[in-house]
């Protein structure tokens, strides 16, 4: 457990910034006081954008349970998923649109941009 460190998601956030800039998607802010601490928000459109790590948020395609201390990790990762569901619900009830992008989706920036543009057009 002590060897698994969260390093933040700077790489994925920087990749998201590049996607936003390349596709001329503007109006985003970072580090704003919004429930759940979205990685990016679009205040005018009330869109909260989260870039979720596959391990920490339980990606159905890429999340795998560590072999050591499985009971701890099962509880921890389930708590993360439950928190994500709660945050989604609360933000939606407050009038926000929530967009979650998996870490592995960042390998396909055109698809990520299309996903964001679809949400803007809803």
PDB file of N, CA and C in Angstrom:
ATOM      1  N   UNK A   1       0.826  -1.187   0.000  1.00  0.00           N
ATOM      2  CA  UNK A   1       0.000   0.000   0.000  1.00  0.00           C
ATOM      3  C   UNK A   1       0.872   1.253   0.000  1.00  0.00           C
ATOM      4  N   UNK A   2       1.924   1.265   0.795  1.00  0.00           N
ATOM      5  CA  UNK A   2       2.736   2.465   0.895  1.00  0.00           C
ATOM      6  C   UNK A   2       3.475   2.773  -0.396  1.00  0.00           C
ATOM      7  N   UNK A   3       3.601   1.785  -1.279  1.00  0.00           N
ATOM      8  CA  UNK A   3       4.318   2.010  -2.534  1.00  0.00           C
ATOM      9  C   UNK A   3       3.419   2.552  -3.638  1.00  0.00           C
ATOM     10  N   UNK A   4       2.120   2.540  -3.418  1.00  0.00           N
ATOM     11  CA  UNK A   4       1.202   3.074  -4.427  1.00  0.00           C
ATOM     12  C   UNK A   4       0.908   4.513  -4.050  1.00  0.00           C
ATOM     13  N   UNK A   5       1.442   5.398  -4.803  1.00  0.00           N
ATOM     14  CA  UNK A   5       1.315   6.819  -4.505  1.00  0.00           C
ATOM     15  C   UNK A   5       0.462   7.506  -5.556  1.00  0.00           C
ATOM     16  N   UNK A   6      -0.422   8.366  -5.071  1.00  0.00           N
ATOM     17  CA  UNK A   6      -1.139   9.220  -5.998  1.00  0.00           C
ATOM     18  C   UNK A   6      -0.206  10.359  -6.389  1.00  0.00           C
ATOM     19  N   UNK A   7      -0.007  10.552  -7.659  1.00  0.00           N
ATOM     20  CA  UNK A   7       0.885  11.613  -8.115  1.00  0.00           C
ATOM     21  C   UNK A   7       0.082  12.766  -8.696  1.00  0.00           C
ATOM     22  N   UNK A   8      -1.193  12.803  -8.391  1.00  0.00           N
ATOM     23  CA  UNK A   8      -2.017  13.800  -9.047  1.00  0.00           C
ATOM     24  C   UNK A   8      -2.242  13.352 -10.479  1.00  0.00           C
ATOM     25  N   UNK A   9      -2.846  14.193 -11.249  1.00  0.00           N
ATOM     26  CA  UNK A   9      -3.039  13.820 -12.647  1.00  0.00           C
ATOM     27  C   UNK A   9      -2.584  14.952 -13.545  1.00  0.00           C
ATOM     28  N   UNK A  10      -1.415  15.479 -13.244  1.00  0.00           N
ATOM     29  CA  UNK A  10      -0.864  16.593 -14.022  1.00  0.00           C
ATOM     30  C   UNK A  10      -0.744  16.254 -15.503  1.00  0.00           C
ATOM     31  N   UNK A  11      -0.241  15.067 -15.812  1.00  0.00           N
ATOM     32  CA  UNK A  11      -0.070  14.702 -17.220  1.00  0.00           C
ATOM     33  C   UNK A  11      -1.402  14.696 -17.956  1.00  0.00           C
ATOM     34  N   UNK A  12      -2.414  14.109 -17.327  1.00  0.00           N
ATOM     35  CA  UNK A  12      -3.711  14.054 -18.002  1.00  0.00           C
ATOM     36  C   UNK A  12      -4.350  15.438 -18.069  1.00  0.00           C
ATOM     37  N   UNK A  13      -4.159  16.249 -17.036  1.00  0.00           N
ATOM     38  CA  UNK A  13      -4.711  17.602 -17.067  1.00  0.00           C
ATOM     39  C   UNK A  13      -4.029  18.441 -18.142  1.00  0.00           C
ATOM     40  N   UNK A  14      -2.718  18.312 -18.264  1.00  0.00           N
ATOM     41  CA  UNK A  14      -2.005  19.054 -19.311  1.00  0.00           C
ATOM     42  C   UNK A  14      -2.435  18.584 -20.698  1.00  0.00           C
ATOM     43  N   UNK A  15      -2.651  17.279 -20.841  1.00  0.00           N
ATOM     44  CA  UNK A  15      -3.141  16.753 -22.120  1.00  0.00           C
ATOM     45  C   UNK A  15      -4.529  17.315 -22.419  1.00  0.00           C
ATOM     46  N   UNK A  16      -5.368  17.444 -21.387  1.00  0.00           N
ATOM     47  CA  UNK A  16      -6.705  18.007 -21.587  1.00  0.00           C
ATOM     48  C   UNK A  16      -6.604  19.468 -22.007  1.00  0.00           C
ATOM     49  N   UNK A  17      -5.697  20.216 -21.409  1.00  0.00           N
ATOM     50  CA  UNK A  17      -5.510  21.617 -21.800  1.00  0.00           C
ATOM     51  C   UNK A  17      -5.130  21.700 -23.276  1.00  0.00           C
ATOM     52  N   UNK A  18      -4.254  20.810 -23.719  1.00  0.00           N
ATOM     53  CA  UNK A  18      -3.858  20.799 -25.129  1.00  0.00           C
ATOM     54  C   UNK A  18      -5.053  20.500 -26.037  1.00  0.00           C
ATOM     55  N   UNK A  19      -5.900  19.572 -25.613  1.00  0.00           N
ATOM     56  CA  UNK A  19      -7.101  19.250 -26.397  1.00  0.00           C
ATOM     57  C   UNK A  19      -8.022  20.468 -26.474  1.00  0.00           C
ATOM     58  N   UNK A  20      -8.237  21.103 -25.328  1.00  0.00           N
ATOM     59  CA  UNK A  20      -9.116  22.272 -25.295  1.00  0.00           C
ATOM     60  C   UNK A  20      -8.582  23.380 -26.197  1.00  0.00           C
ATOM     61  N   UNK A  21      -7.284  23.624 -26.110  1.00  0.00           N
ATOM     62  CA  UNK A  21      -6.692  24.687 -26.923  1.00  0.00           C
ATOM     63  C   UNK A  21      -6.722  24.345 -28.413  1.00  0.00           C
ATOM     64  N   UNK A  22      -6.381  23.111 -28.750  1.00  0.00           N
ATOM     65  CA  UNK A  22      -6.347  22.703 -30.160  1.00  0.00           C
ATOM     66  C   UNK A  22      -7.714  22.851 -30.823  1.00  0.00           C
ATOM     67  N   UNK A  23      -8.765  22.582 -30.065  1.00  0.00           N
ATOM     68  CA  UNK A  23     -10.122  22.617 -30.614  1.00  0.00           C
ATOM     69  C   UNK A  23     -10.842  23.928 -30.304  1.00  0.00           C
ATOM     70  N   UNK A  24     -10.068  24.909 -29.842  1.00  0.00           N
ATOM     71  CA  UNK A  24     -10.596  26.251 -29.578  1.00  0.00           C
ATOM     72  C   UNK A  24     -11.791  26.213 -28.630  1.00  0.00           C
ATOM     73  N   UNK A  25     -11.698  25.357 -27.630  1.00  0.00           N
ATOM     74  CA  UNK A  25     -12.734  25.280 -26.596  1.00  0.00           C
ATOM     75  C   UNK A  25     -12.269  26.188 -25.466  1.00  0.00           C
ATOM     76  N   UNK A  26     -12.987  27.272 -25.282  1.00  0.00           N
ATOM     77  CA  UNK A  26     -12.551  28.265 -24.302  1.00  0.00           C
ATOM     78  C   UNK A  26     -13.580  28.411 -23.189  1.00  0.00           C
ATOM     79  N   UNK A  27     -13.260  29.266 -22.249  1.00  0.00           N
ATOM     80  CA  UNK A  27     -14.171  29.552 -21.150  1.00  0.00           C
ATOM     81  C   UNK A  27     -13.989  28.657 -19.951  1.00  0.00           C
ATOM     82  N   UNK A  28     -12.938  27.839 -19.948  1.00  0.00           N
ATOM     83  CA  UNK A  28     -12.726  26.922 -18.843  1.00  0.00           C
ATOM     84  C   UNK A  28     -11.885  27.572 -17.754  1.00  0.00           C
ATOM     85  N   UNK A  29     -12.071  27.071 -16.563  1.00  0.00           N
ATOM     86  CA  UNK A  29     -11.308  27.513 -15.398  1.00  0.00           C
ATOM     87  C   UNK A  29     -10.843  26.278 -14.646  1.00  0.00           C
ATOM     88  N   UNK A  30      -9.781  26.451 -13.874  1.00  0.00           N
ATOM     89  CA  UNK A  30      -9.269  25.365 -13.031  1.00  0.00           C
ATOM     90  C   UNK A  30      -9.237  25.840 -11.592  1.00  0.00           C
ATOM     91  N   UNK A  31      -9.190  24.879 -10.690  1.00  0.00           N
ATOM     92  CA  UNK A  31      -9.020  25.152  -9.260  1.00  0.00           C
ATOM     93  C   UNK A  31     -10.094  26.087  -8.710  1.00  0.00           C
ATOM     94  N   UNK A  32     -11.315  25.869  -9.115  1.00  0.00           N
ATOM     95  CA  UNK A  32     -12.430  26.656  -8.613  1.00  0.00           C
ATOM     96  C   UNK A  32     -13.129  25.885  -7.494  1.00  0.00           C
ATOM     97  N   UNK A  33     -13.733  26.613  -6.586  1.00  0.00           N
ATOM     98  CA  UNK A  33     -14.408  25.999  -5.442  1.00  0.00           C
ATOM     99  C   UNK A  33     -15.784  25.487  -5.868  1.00  0.00           C
ATOM    100  N   UNK A  34     -15.794  24.304  -6.449  1.00  0.00           N
ATOM    101  CA  UNK A  34     -17.028  23.648  -6.872  1.00  0.00           C
ATOM    102  C   UNK A  34     -17.031  22.265  -6.236  1.00  0.00           C
ATOM    103  N   UNK A  35     -18.190  21.802  -5.822  1.00  0.00           N
ATOM    104  CA  UNK A  35     -18.314  20.489  -5.194  1.00  0.00           C
ATOM    105  C   UNK A  35     -17.632  19.414  -6.025  1.00  0.00           C
ATOM    106  N   UNK A  36     -16.833  18.595  -5.387  1.00  0.00           N
ATOM    107  CA  UNK A  36     -16.155  17.494  -6.058  1.00  0.00           C
ATOM    108  C   UNK A  36     -14.832  17.881  -6.690  1.00  0.00           C
ATOM    109  N   UNK A  37     -14.503  19.164  -6.660  1.00  0.00           N
ATOM    110  CA  UNK A  37     -13.250  19.675  -7.220  1.00  0.00           C
ATOM    111  C   UNK A  37     -13.007  19.209  -8.658  1.00  0.00           C
ATOM    112  N   UNK A  38     -13.874  19.598  -9.580  1.00  0.00           N
ATOM    113  CA  UNK A  38     -13.650  19.210 -10.978  1.00  0.00           C
ATOM    114  C   UNK A  38     -12.290  19.698 -11.460  1.00  0.00           C
ATOM    115  N   UNK A  39     -11.710  18.969 -12.397  1.00  0.00           N
ATOM    116  CA  UNK A  39     -10.422  19.377 -12.952  1.00  0.00           C
ATOM    117  C   UNK A  39     -10.571  20.663 -13.761  1.00  0.00           C
ATOM    118  N   UNK A  40     -11.702  20.809 -14.423  1.00  0.00           N
ATOM    119  CA  UNK A  40     -12.005  22.002 -15.211  1.00  0.00           C
ATOM    120  C   UNK A  40     -13.485  22.305 -15.047  1.00  0.00           C
ATOM    121  N   UNK A  41     -13.813  23.586 -15.035  1.00  0.00           N
ATOM    122  CA  UNK A  41     -15.224  23.970 -15.096  1.00  0.00           C
ATOM    123  C   UNK A  41     -15.400  24.987 -16.218  1.00  0.00           C
ATOM    124  N   UNK A  42     -16.586  24.987 -16.752  1.00  0.00           N
ATOM    125  CA  UNK A  42     -17.003  25.972 -17.738  1.00  0.00           C
ATOM    126  C   UNK A  42     -18.173  26.700 -17.085  1.00  0.00           C
ATOM    127  N   UNK A  43     -17.888  27.805 -16.362  1.00  0.00           N
ATOM    128  CA  UNK A  43     -18.924  28.435 -15.535  1.00  0.00           C
ATOM    129  C   UNK A  43     -20.150  28.911 -16.313  1.00  0.00           C
ATOM    130  N   UNK A  44     -19.961  29.490 -17.480  1.00  0.00           N
ATOM    131  CA  UNK A  44     -21.112  30.007 -18.233  1.00  0.00           C
ATOM    132  C   UNK A  44     -22.047  28.890 -18.661  1.00  0.00           C
ATOM    133  N   UNK A  45     -21.484  27.751 -19.047  1.00  0.00           N
ATOM    134  CA  UNK A  45     -22.292  26.615 -19.489  1.00  0.00           C
ATOM    135  C   UNK A  45     -22.654  25.685 -18.332  1.00  0.00           C
ATOM    136  N   UNK A  46     -22.083  25.939 -17.163  1.00  0.00           N
ATOM    137  CA  UNK A  46     -22.252  25.084 -15.980  1.00  0.00           C
ATOM    138  C   UNK A  46     -21.912  23.626 -16.312  1.00  0.00           C
ATOM    139  N   UNK A  47     -20.705  23.449 -16.847  1.00  0.00           N
ATOM    140  CA  UNK A  47     -20.183  22.114 -17.131  1.00  0.00           C
ATOM    141  C   UNK A  47     -19.004  21.863 -16.210  1.00  0.00           C
ATOM    142  N   UNK A  48     -19.039  20.723 -15.525  1.00  0.00           N
ATOM    143  CA  UNK A  48     -17.931  20.285 -14.674  1.00  0.00           C
ATOM    144  C   UNK A  48     -17.247  19.121 -15.378  1.00  0.00           C
ATOM    145  N   UNK A  49     -15.953  19.257 -15.617  1.00  0.00           N
ATOM    146  CA  UNK A  49     -15.185  18.250 -16.342  1.00  0.00           C
ATOM    147  C   UNK A  49     -14.190  17.586 -15.398  1.00  0.00           C
ATOM    148  N   UNK A  50     -14.301  16.278 -15.296  1.00  0.00           N
ATOM    149  CA  UNK A  50     -13.387  15.482 -14.477  1.00  0.00           C
ATOM    150  C   UNK A  50     -12.569  14.585 -15.397  1.00  0.00           C
ATOM    151  N   UNK A  51     -11.266  14.519 -15.161  1.00  0.00           N
ATOM    152  CA  UNK A  51     -10.405  13.570 -15.862  1.00  0.00           C
ATOM    153  C   UNK A  51     -10.034  12.525 -14.814  1.00  0.00           C
ATOM    154  N   UNK A  52     -10.667  11.353 -14.903  1.00  0.00           N
ATOM    155  CA  UNK A  52     -10.539  10.320 -13.874  1.00  0.00           C
ATOM    156  C   UNK A  52      -9.455   9.312 -14.217  1.00  0.00           C
ATOM    157  N   UNK A  53      -8.586   9.061 -13.244  1.00  0.00           N
ATOM    158  CA  UNK A  53      -7.571   8.026 -13.402  1.00  0.00           C
ATOM    159  C   UNK A  53      -8.212   6.649 -13.376  1.00  0.00           C
ATOM    160  N   UNK A  54      -7.760   5.780 -14.252  1.00  0.00           N
ATOM    161  CA  UNK A  54      -8.359   4.442 -14.366  1.00  0.00           C
ATOM    162  C   UNK A  54      -8.254   3.656 -13.056  1.00  0.00           C
ATOM    163  N   UNK A  55      -7.124   3.717 -12.380  1.00  0.00           N
ATOM    164  CA  UNK A  55      -6.968   2.960 -11.134  1.00  0.00           C
ATOM    165  C   UNK A  55      -7.824   3.559 -10.026  1.00  0.00           C
ATOM    166  N   UNK A  56      -7.667   4.840  -9.761  1.00  0.00           N
ATOM    167  CA  UNK A  56      -8.284   5.461  -8.591  1.00  0.00           C
ATOM    168  C   UNK A  56      -9.798   5.564  -8.682  1.00  0.00           C
ATOM    169  N   UNK A  57     -10.333   5.605  -9.874  1.00  0.00           N
ATOM    170  CA  UNK A  57     -11.784   5.766 -10.015  1.00  0.00           C
ATOM    171  C   UNK A  57     -12.475   4.505 -10.516  1.00  0.00           C
ATOM    172  N   UNK A  58     -11.734   3.415 -10.645  1.00  0.00           N
ATOM    173  CA  UNK A  58     -12.337   2.121 -10.953  1.00  0.00           C
ATOM    174  C   UNK A  58     -12.820   1.958 -12.375  1.00  0.00           C
ATOM    175  N   UNK A  59     -11.990   2.303 -13.323  1.00  0.00           N
ATOM    176  CA  UNK A  59     -12.342   2.129 -14.734  1.00  0.00           C
ATOM    177  C   UNK A  59     -12.740   0.676 -14.997  1.00  0.00           C
ATOM    178  N   UNK A  60     -13.898   0.452 -15.631  1.00  0.00           N
ATOM    179  CA  UNK A  60     -14.318  -0.931 -15.887  1.00  0.00           C
ATOM    180  C   UNK A  60     -13.398  -1.667 -16.857  1.00  0.00           C
ATOM    181  N   UNK A  61     -12.631  -0.944 -17.669  1.00  0.00           N
ATOM    182  CA  UNK A  61     -11.739  -1.592 -18.629  1.00  0.00           C
ATOM    183  C   UNK A  61     -10.337  -1.830 -18.074  1.00  0.00           C
ATOM    184  N   UNK A  62      -9.834  -0.904 -17.248  1.00  0.00           N
ATOM    185  CA  UNK A  62      -8.418  -0.956 -16.901  1.00  0.00           C
ATOM    186  C   UNK A  62      -8.097  -1.019 -15.414  1.00  0.00           C
ATOM    187  N   UNK A  63      -9.080  -0.936 -14.581  1.00  0.00           N
ATOM    188  CA  UNK A  63      -8.796  -0.964 -13.148  1.00  0.00           C
ATOM    189  C   UNK A  63      -8.547  -2.401 -12.709  1.00  0.00           C
ATOM    190  N   UNK A  64      -7.438  -2.616 -12.032  1.00  0.00           N
ATOM    191  CA  UNK A  64      -7.183  -3.947 -11.484  1.00  0.00           C
ATOM    192  C   UNK A  64      -6.781  -3.802 -10.023  1.00  0.00           C
ATOM    193  N   UNK A  65      -7.251  -4.737  -9.244  1.00  0.00           N
ATOM    194  CA  UNK A  65      -7.058  -4.716  -7.805  1.00  0.00           C
ATOM    195  C   UNK A  65      -5.616  -5.101  -7.464  1.00  0.00           C
ATOM    196  N   UNK A  66      -4.960  -4.312  -6.608  1.00  0.00           N
ATOM    197  CA  UNK A  66      -3.628  -4.712  -6.148  1.00  0.00           C
ATOM    198  C   UNK A  66      -3.700  -6.057  -5.424  1.00  0.00           C
ATOM    199  N   UNK A  67      -2.645  -6.828  -5.521  1.00  0.00           N
ATOM    200  CA  UNK A  67      -2.635  -8.153  -4.892  1.00  0.00           C
ATOM    201  C   UNK A  67      -2.472  -8.074  -3.381  1.00  0.00           C
ATOM    202  N   UNK A  68      -1.775  -7.067  -2.912  1.00  0.00           N
ATOM    203  CA  UNK A  68      -1.568  -6.921  -1.474  1.00  0.00           C
ATOM    204  C   UNK A  68      -2.681  -6.083  -0.866  1.00  0.00           C
ATOM    205  N   UNK A  69      -3.114  -6.490   0.309  1.00  0.00           N
ATOM    206  CA  UNK A  69      -4.091  -5.736   1.092  1.00  0.00           C
ATOM    207  C   UNK A  69      -5.379  -5.487   0.295  1.00  0.00           C
ATOM    208  N   UNK A  70      -5.898  -6.529  -0.304  1.00  0.00           N
ATOM    209  CA  UNK A  70      -7.058  -6.398  -1.189  1.00  0.00           C
ATOM    210  C   UNK A  70      -8.299  -5.862  -0.489  1.00  0.00           C
ATOM    211  N   UNK A  71      -8.479  -6.240   0.759  1.00  0.00           N
ATOM    212  CA  UNK A  71      -9.666  -5.763   1.479  1.00  0.00           C
ATOM    213  C   UNK A  71      -9.634  -4.240   1.605  1.00  0.00           C
ATOM    214  N   UNK A  72      -8.474  -3.701   1.974  1.00  0.00           N
ATOM    215  CA  UNK A  72      -8.326  -2.247   2.078  1.00  0.00           C
ATOM    216  C   UNK A  72      -8.627  -1.577   0.738  1.00  0.00           C
ATOM    217  N   UNK A  73      -8.004  -2.081  -0.331  1.00  0.00           N
ATOM    218  CA  UNK A  73      -8.158  -1.456  -1.637  1.00  0.00           C
ATOM    219  C   UNK A  73      -9.582  -1.586  -2.159  1.00  0.00           C
ATOM    220  N   UNK A  74     -10.229  -2.694  -1.876  1.00  0.00           N
ATOM    221  CA  UNK A  74     -11.623  -2.850  -2.306  1.00  0.00           C
ATOM    222  C   UNK A  74     -12.491  -1.768  -1.664  1.00  0.00           C
ATOM    223  N   UNK A  75     -12.299  -1.547  -0.361  1.00  0.00           N
ATOM    224  CA  UNK A  75     -13.062  -0.500   0.345  1.00  0.00           C
ATOM    225  C   UNK A  75     -12.717   0.887  -0.194  1.00  0.00           C
ATOM    226  N   UNK A  76     -11.431   1.141  -0.346  1.00  0.00           N
ATOM    227  CA  UNK A  76     -10.962   2.454  -0.797  1.00  0.00           C
ATOM    228  C   UNK A  76     -11.500   2.790  -2.190  1.00  0.00           C
ATOM    229  N   UNK A  77     -11.355   1.861  -3.118  1.00  0.00           N
ATOM    230  CA  UNK A  77     -11.780   2.132  -4.488  1.00  0.00           C
ATOM    231  C   UNK A  77     -13.298   2.214  -4.606  1.00  0.00           C
ATOM    232  N   UNK A  78     -14.017   1.409  -3.812  1.00  0.00           N
ATOM    233  CA  UNK A  78     -15.478   1.503  -3.811  1.00  0.00           C
ATOM    234  C   UNK A  78     -15.920   2.842  -3.242  1.00  0.00           C
ATOM    235  N   UNK A  79     -15.229   3.310  -2.200  1.00  0.00           N
ATOM    236  CA  UNK A  79     -15.554   4.624  -1.630  1.00  0.00           C
ATOM    237  C   UNK A  79     -15.338   5.723  -2.673  1.00  0.00           C
ATOM    238  N   UNK A  80     -14.280   5.601  -3.470  1.00  0.00           N
ATOM    239  CA  UNK A  80     -14.042   6.584  -4.536  1.00  0.00           C
ATOM    240  C   UNK A  80     -15.186   6.576  -5.545  1.00  0.00           C
ATOM    241  N   UNK A  81     -15.628   5.381  -5.948  1.00  0.00           N
ATOM    242  CA  UNK A  81     -16.735   5.278  -6.913  1.00  0.00           C
ATOM    243  C   UNK A  81     -18.025   5.850  -6.327  1.00  0.00           C
ATOM    244  N   UNK A  82     -18.275   5.537  -5.055  1.00  0.00           N
ATOM    245  CA  UNK A  82     -19.477   6.059  -4.400  1.00  0.00           C
ATOM    246  C   UNK A  82     -19.431   7.583  -4.329  1.00  0.00           C
ATOM    247  N   UNK A  83     -18.249   8.129  -4.010  1.00  0.00           N
ATOM    248  CA  UNK A  83     -18.100   9.581  -3.952  1.00  0.00           C
ATOM    249  C   UNK A  83     -18.347  10.195  -5.332  1.00  0.00           C
ATOM    250  N   UNK A  84     -17.822   9.575  -6.376  1.00  0.00           N
ATOM    251  CA  UNK A  84     -18.040  10.087  -7.734  1.00  0.00           C
ATOM    252  C   UNK A  84     -19.530  10.122  -8.072  1.00  0.00           C
ATOM    253  N   UNK A  85     -20.257   9.065  -7.720  1.00  0.00           N
ATOM    254  CA  UNK A  85     -21.706   9.031  -7.974  1.00  0.00           C
ATOM    255  C   UNK A  85     -22.421  10.138  -7.205  1.00  0.00           C
ATOM    256  N   UNK A  86     -22.026  10.332  -5.944  1.00  0.00           N
ATOM    257  CA  UNK A  86     -22.624  11.373  -5.115  1.00  0.00           C
ATOM    258  C   UNK A  86     -22.369  12.755  -5.722  1.00  0.00           C
ATOM    259  N   UNK A  87     -21.132  13.004  -6.104  1.00  0.00           N
ATOM    260  CA  UNK A  87     -20.773  14.300  -6.693  1.00  0.00           C
ATOM    261  C   UNK A  87     -21.555  14.528  -7.984  1.00  0.00           C
ATOM    262  N   UNK A  88     -21.642  13.509  -8.837  1.00  0.00           N
ATOM    263  CA  UNK A  88     -22.424  13.633 -10.076  1.00  0.00           C
ATOM    264  C   UNK A  88     -23.858  14.040  -9.769  1.00  0.00           C
ATOM    265  N   UNK A  89     -24.466  13.341  -8.825  1.00  0.00           N
ATOM    266  CA  UNK A  89     -25.865  13.593  -8.462  1.00  0.00           C
ATOM    267  C   UNK A  89     -26.045  15.015  -7.932  1.00  0.00           C
ATOM    268  N   UNK A  90     -25.189  15.414  -7.008  1.00  0.00           N
ATOM    269  CA  UNK A  90     -25.312  16.739  -6.399  1.00  0.00           C
ATOM    270  C   UNK A  90     -25.092  17.853  -7.424  1.00  0.00           C
ATOM    271  N   UNK A  91     -24.096  17.689  -8.270  1.00  0.00           N
ATOM    272  CA  UNK A  91     -23.850  18.716  -9.283  1.00  0.00           C
ATOM    273  C   UNK A  91     -25.022  18.812 -10.254  1.00  0.00           C
ATOM    274  N   UNK A  92     -25.547  17.672 -10.674  1.00  0.00           N
ATOM    275  CA  UNK A  92     -26.693  17.693 -11.601  1.00  0.00           C
ATOM    276  C   UNK A  92     -27.907  18.358 -10.958  1.00  0.00           C
ATOM    277  N   UNK A  93     -28.132  18.058  -9.688  1.00  0.00           N
ATOM    278  CA  UNK A  93     -29.258  18.686  -8.989  1.00  0.00           C
ATOM    279  C   UNK A  93     -29.067  20.192  -8.863  1.00  0.00           C
ATOM    280  N   UNK A  94     -27.806  20.637  -8.862  1.00  0.00           N
ATOM    281  CA  UNK A  94     -27.508  22.067  -8.783  1.00  0.00           C
ATOM    282  C   UNK A  94     -27.481  22.719 -10.170  1.00  0.00           C
ATOM    283  N   UNK A  95     -27.835  21.950 -11.202  1.00  0.00           N
ATOM    284  CA  UNK A  95     -27.929  22.508 -12.539  1.00  0.00           C
ATOM    285  C   UNK A  95     -26.676  22.385 -13.392  1.00  0.00           C
ATOM    286  N   UNK A  96     -25.693  21.629 -12.932  1.00  0.00           N
ATOM    287  CA  UNK A  96     -24.460  21.426 -13.693  1.00  0.00           C
ATOM    288  C   UNK A  96     -24.592  20.211 -14.601  1.00  0.00           C
ATOM    289  N   UNK A  97     -23.885  20.252 -15.716  1.00  0.00           N
ATOM    290  CA  UNK A  97     -23.707  19.070 -16.553  1.00  0.00           C
ATOM    291  C   UNK A  97     -22.337  18.504 -16.207  1.00  0.00           C
ATOM    292  N   UNK A  98     -22.282  17.217 -15.988  1.00  0.00           N
ATOM    293  CA  UNK A  98     -21.041  16.565 -15.566  1.00  0.00           C
ATOM    294  C   UNK A  98     -20.490  15.754 -16.730  1.00  0.00           C
ATOM    295  N   UNK A  99     -19.208  15.960 -17.011  1.00  0.00           N
ATOM    296  CA  UNK A  99     -18.511  15.192 -18.038  1.00  0.00           C
ATOM    297  C   UNK A  99     -17.333  14.515 -17.358  1.00  0.00           C
ATOM    298  N   UNK A 100     -17.265  13.200 -17.497  1.00  0.00           N
ATOM    299  CA  UNK A 100     -16.135  12.440 -16.951  1.00  0.00           C
ATOM    300  C   UNK A 100     -15.402  11.780 -18.104  1.00  0.00           C
ATOM    301  N   UNK A 101     -14.102  11.987 -18.129  1.00  0.00           N
ATOM    302  CA  UNK A 101     -13.246  11.406 -19.158  1.00  0.00           C
ATOM    303  C   UNK A 101     -12.269  10.481 -18.452  1.00  0.00           C
ATOM    304  N   UNK A 102     -12.192   9.244 -18.916  1.00  0.00           N
ATOM    305  CA  UNK A 102     -11.243   8.291 -18.343  1.00  0.00           C
ATOM    306  C   UNK A 102      -9.829   8.602 -18.823  1.00  0.00           C
ATOM    307  N   UNK A 103      -8.894   8.302 -17.981  1.00  0.00           N
ATOM    308  CA  UNK A 103      -7.477   8.480 -18.307  1.00  0.00           C
ATOM    309  C   UNK A 103      -7.123   7.806 -19.636  1.00  0.00           C
ATOM    310  N   UNK A 104      -7.634   6.598 -19.863  1.00  0.00           N
ATOM    311  CA  UNK A 104      -7.292   5.887 -21.101  1.00  0.00           C
ATOM    312  C   UNK A 104      -7.905   6.546 -22.339  1.00  0.00           C
ATOM    313  N   UNK A 105      -8.968   7.310 -22.164  1.00  0.00           N
ATOM    314  CA  UNK A 105      -9.582   7.997 -23.303  1.00  0.00           C
ATOM    315  C   UNK A 105      -8.697   9.127 -23.826  1.00  0.00           C
ATOM    316  N   UNK A 106      -7.781   9.594 -22.988  1.00  0.00           N
ATOM    317  CA  UNK A 106      -6.911  10.696 -23.380  1.00  0.00           C
ATOM    318  C   UNK A 106      -5.962  10.296 -24.507  1.00  0.00           C
ATOM    319  N   UNK A 107      -5.854   9.002 -24.781  1.00  0.00           N
ATOM    320  CA  UNK A 107      -5.030   8.540 -25.905  1.00  0.00           C
ATOM    321  C   UNK A 107      -5.679   8.881 -27.246  1.00  0.00           C
ATOM    322  N   UNK A 108      -6.956   9.245 -27.205  1.00  0.00           N
ATOM    323  CA  UNK A 108      -7.720   9.552 -28.417  1.00  0.00           C
ATOM    324  C   UNK A 108      -8.293  10.968 -28.309  1.00  0.00           C
ATOM    325  N   UNK A 109      -7.436  11.976 -28.454  1.00  0.00           N
ATOM    326  CA  UNK A 109      -7.872  13.353 -28.213  1.00  0.00           C
ATOM    327  C   UNK A 109      -9.039  13.809 -29.083  1.00  0.00           C
ATOM    328  N   UNK A 110      -9.129  13.299 -30.302  1.00  0.00           N
ATOM    329  CA  UNK A 110     -10.235  13.714 -31.175  1.00  0.00           C
ATOM    330  C   UNK A 110     -11.576  13.237 -30.612  1.00  0.00           C
ATOM    331  N   UNK A 111     -11.586  12.037 -30.057  1.00  0.00           N
ATOM    332  CA  UNK A 111     -12.818  11.509 -29.454  1.00  0.00           C
ATOM    333  C   UNK A 111     -13.186  12.299 -28.201  1.00  0.00           C
ATOM    334  N   UNK A 112     -12.172  12.670 -27.416  1.00  0.00           N
ATOM    335  CA  UNK A 112     -12.425  13.463 -26.206  1.00  0.00           C
ATOM    336  C   UNK A 112     -13.018  14.813 -26.597  1.00  0.00           C
ATOM    337  N   UNK A 113     -12.430  15.462 -27.597  1.00  0.00           N
ATOM    338  CA  UNK A 113     -12.939  16.760 -28.052  1.00  0.00           C
ATOM    339  C   UNK A 113     -14.380  16.629 -28.549  1.00  0.00           C
ATOM    340  N   UNK A 114     -14.665  15.575 -29.303  1.00  0.00           N
ATOM    341  CA  UNK A 114     -16.027  15.364 -29.807  1.00  0.00           C
ATOM    342  C   UNK A 114     -17.010  15.175 -28.654  1.00  0.00           C
ATOM    343  N   UNK A 115     -16.594  14.445 -27.634  1.00  0.00           N
ATOM    344  CA  UNK A 115     -17.436  14.222 -26.456  1.00  0.00           C
ATOM    345  C   UNK A 115     -17.757  15.557 -25.779  1.00  0.00           C
ATOM    346  N   UNK A 116     -16.749  16.408 -25.631  1.00  0.00           N
ATOM    347  CA  UNK A 116     -16.959  17.714 -25.002  1.00  0.00           C
ATOM    348  C   UNK A 116     -17.875  18.594 -25.850  1.00  0.00           C
ATOM    349  N   UNK A 117     -17.623  18.617 -27.131  1.00  0.00           N
ATOM    350  CA  UNK A 117     -18.432  19.459 -28.019  1.00  0.00           C
ATOM    351  C   UNK A 117     -19.892  19.010 -28.002  1.00  0.00           C
ATOM    352  N   UNK A 118     -20.124  17.693 -27.947  1.00  0.00           N
ATOM    353  CA  UNK A 118     -21.509  17.186 -27.835  1.00  0.00           C
ATOM    354  C   UNK A 118     -22.169  17.723 -26.568  1.00  0.00           C
ATOM    355  N   UNK A 119     -21.431  17.733 -25.461  1.00  0.00           N
ATOM    356  CA  UNK A 119     -22.010  18.222 -24.201  1.00  0.00           C
ATOM    357  C   UNK A 119     -22.316  19.709 -24.272  1.00  0.00           C
ATOM    358  N   UNK A 120     -21.468  20.469 -24.963  1.00  0.00           N
ATOM    359  CA  UNK A 120     -21.735  21.899 -25.119  1.00  0.00           C
ATOM    360  C   UNK A 120     -23.000  22.132 -25.931  1.00  0.00           C
ATOM    361  N   UNK A 121     -23.268  21.253 -26.864  1.00  0.00           N
ATOM    362  CA  UNK A 121     -24.414  21.433 -27.754  1.00  0.00           C
ATOM    363  C   UNK A 121     -25.715  20.866 -27.201  1.00  0.00           C
ATOM    364  N   UNK A 122     -25.685  20.290 -26.036  1.00  0.00           N
ATOM    365  CA  UNK A 122     -26.917  19.734 -25.451  1.00  0.00           C
ATOM    366  C   UNK A 122     -27.750  20.825 -24.830  1.00  0.00           C
TER     367      UNK A 122
END
